[in-house]
C-alpha atoms as a PDB file:
ATOM      1  CA  UNK A   1     -21.931 -16.846 -30.092  1.00  0.00           C
ATOM      2  CA  UNK A   2     -19.918 -13.855 -30.543  1.00  0.00           C
ATOM      3  CA  UNK A   3     -18.144 -15.464 -33.476  1.00  0.00           C
ATOM      4  CA  UNK A   4     -21.454 -16.324 -35.277  1.00  0.00           C
ATOM      5  CA  UNK A   5     -22.560 -12.781 -35.096  1.00  0.00           C
ATOM      6  CA  UNK A   6     -19.187 -11.654 -36.268  1.00  0.00           C
ATOM      7  CA  UNK A   7     -19.321 -13.865 -39.251  1.00  0.00           C
ATOM      8  CA  UNK A   8     -22.502 -12.902 -40.409  1.00  0.00           C
ATOM      9  CA  UNK A   9     -22.121  -9.395 -39.828  1.00  0.00           C
ATOM     10  CA  UNK A  10     -18.228  -8.759 -41.067  1.00  0.00           C
ATOM     11  CA  UNK A  11     -19.148 -10.844 -44.219  1.00  0.00           C
ATOM     12  CA  UNK A  12     -22.171  -8.638 -44.971  1.00  0.00           C
ATOM     13  CA  UNK A  13     -20.220  -5.466 -44.237  1.00  0.00           C
ATOM     14  CA  UNK A  14     -16.991  -6.330 -46.150  1.00  0.00           C
ATOM     15  CA  UNK A  15     -19.147  -6.982 -49.246  1.00  0.00           C
ATOM     16  CA  UNK A  16     -20.696  -3.730 -49.209  1.00  0.00           C
ATOM     17  CA  UNK A  17     -18.086  -1.481 -47.805  1.00  0.00           C
ATOM     18  CA  UNK A  18     -15.041  -3.182 -48.855  1.00  0.00           C
ATOM     19  CA  UNK A  19     -12.463  -5.874 -47.337  1.00  0.00           C
ATOM     20  CA  UNK A  20      -9.964  -3.026 -45.793  1.00  0.00           C
ATOM     21  CA  UNK A  21     -12.492  -1.167 -44.048  1.00  0.00           C
ATOM     22  CA  UNK A  22     -13.541  -3.922 -42.337  1.00  0.00           C
ATOM     23  CA  UNK A  23     -10.362  -6.039 -41.534  1.00  0.00           C
ATOM     24  CA  UNK A  24      -8.659  -3.217 -39.698  1.00  0.00           C
ATOM     25  CA  UNK A  25     -11.524  -2.339 -37.369  1.00  0.00           C
ATOM     26  CA  UNK A  26     -11.573  -6.239 -36.567  1.00  0.00           C
ATOM     27  CA  UNK A  27      -8.328  -6.725 -35.788  1.00  0.00           C
ATOM     28  CA  UNK A  28      -8.189  -3.728 -33.669  1.00  0.00           C
ATOM     29  CA  UNK A  29     -11.377  -5.085 -31.784  1.00  0.00           C
ATOM     30  CA  UNK A  30      -9.411  -8.402 -31.037  1.00  0.00           C
ATOM     31  CA  UNK A  31      -6.626  -6.170 -29.639  1.00  0.00           C
ATOM     32  CA  UNK A  32      -8.812  -4.495 -27.393  1.00  0.00           C
ATOM     33  CA  UNK A  33     -10.507  -7.388 -26.208  1.00  0.00           C
ATOM     34  CA  UNK A  34      -7.038  -8.657 -25.203  1.00  0.00           C
ATOM     35  CA  UNK A  35      -6.137  -5.604 -23.564  1.00  0.00           C
ATOM     36  CA  UNK A  36      -9.190  -5.648 -21.287  1.00  0.00           C
ATOM     37  CA  UNK A  37      -7.909  -8.830 -19.773  1.00  0.00           C
ATOM     38  CA  UNK A  38      -5.817  -6.423 -17.864  1.00  0.00           C
ATOM     39  CA  UNK A  39      -8.814  -5.394 -15.558  1.00  0.00           C
ATOM     40  CA  UNK A  40      -9.646  -9.163 -14.686  1.00  0.00           C
ATOM     41  CA  UNK A  41      -8.780  -8.533 -11.023  1.00  0.00           C
ATOM     42  CA  UNK A  42     -11.281  -5.806 -10.702  1.00  0.00           C
ATOM     43  CA  UNK A  43     -14.322  -7.979 -11.623  1.00  0.00           C
ATOM     44  CA  UNK A  44     -14.595 -11.802 -13.179  1.00  0.00           C
ATOM     45  CA  UNK A  45     -17.336 -10.414 -15.427  1.00  0.00           C
ATOM     46  CA  UNK A  46     -14.193  -8.797 -17.539  1.00  0.00           C
ATOM     47  CA  UNK A  47     -13.581 -12.130 -18.833  1.00  0.00           C
ATOM     48  CA  UNK A  48     -16.943 -12.188 -20.643  1.00  0.00           C
ATOM     49  CA  UNK A  49     -16.549  -8.896 -21.836  1.00  0.00           C
ATOM     50  CA  UNK A  50     -12.821  -9.460 -22.983  1.00  0.00           C
ATOM     51  CA  UNK A  51     -13.942 -12.945 -24.827  1.00  0.00           C
ATOM     52  CA  UNK A  52     -16.734 -11.564 -26.554  1.00  0.00           C
ATOM     53  CA  UNK A  53     -14.738  -8.377 -27.988  1.00  0.00           C
ATOM     54  CA  UNK A  54     -11.755 -10.578 -28.719  1.00  0.00           C
ATOM     55  CA  UNK A  55     -14.160 -13.458 -30.751  1.00  0.00           C
ATOM     56  CA  UNK A  56     -15.945 -10.605 -32.492  1.00  0.00           C
ATOM     57  CA  UNK A  57     -12.494  -9.288 -33.659  1.00  0.00           C
ATOM     58  CA  UNK A  58     -10.800 -12.660 -34.363  1.00  0.00           C
ATOM     59  CA  UNK A  59     -13.968 -14.053 -36.422  1.00  0.00           C
ATOM     60  CA  UNK A  60     -14.761 -10.909 -38.234  1.00  0.00           C
ATOM     61  CA  UNK A  61     -10.961 -10.271 -39.274  1.00  0.00           C
ATOM     62  CA  UNK A  62     -10.764 -14.291 -40.055  1.00  0.00           C
ATOM     63  CA  UNK A  63     -13.710 -14.212 -42.359  1.00  0.00           C
ATOM     64  CA  UNK A  64     -12.794 -11.087 -44.103  1.00  0.00           C
ATOM     65  CA  UNK A  65      -9.214 -11.904 -44.584  1.00  0.00           C
ATOM     66  CA  UNK A  66     -10.389 -15.351 -46.242  1.00  0.00           C
ATOM     67  CA  UNK A  67     -12.650 -13.482 -48.450  1.00  0.00           C
ATOM     68  CA  UNK A  68     -10.142 -10.998 -49.261  1.00  0.00           C
ATOM     69  CA  UNK A  69      -7.469 -13.976 -50.423  1.00  0.00           C
ATOM     70  CA  UNK A  70     -10.105 -15.803 -52.193  1.00  0.00           C
ATOM     71  CA  UNK A  71     -10.872 -12.972 -54.234  1.00  0.00           C
ATOM     72  CA  UNK A  72      -7.388 -11.939 -55.071  1.00  0.00           C
END
């Protein structure tokens, strides 16, 4: 679900703001989602938060990078 939202949002934002202004925050979001896994022993709900953040970052970054390559 996070991937679908990320694809729609990142595609729109990268068309209006520019590819580089969307790719880097998306990759940082994927890193944050991975780093949040550190807190998994605290609560099992962390896996949902982590997967959502990492999914948003991965899908948003991937779709933006593909568009960047296609236009270049």
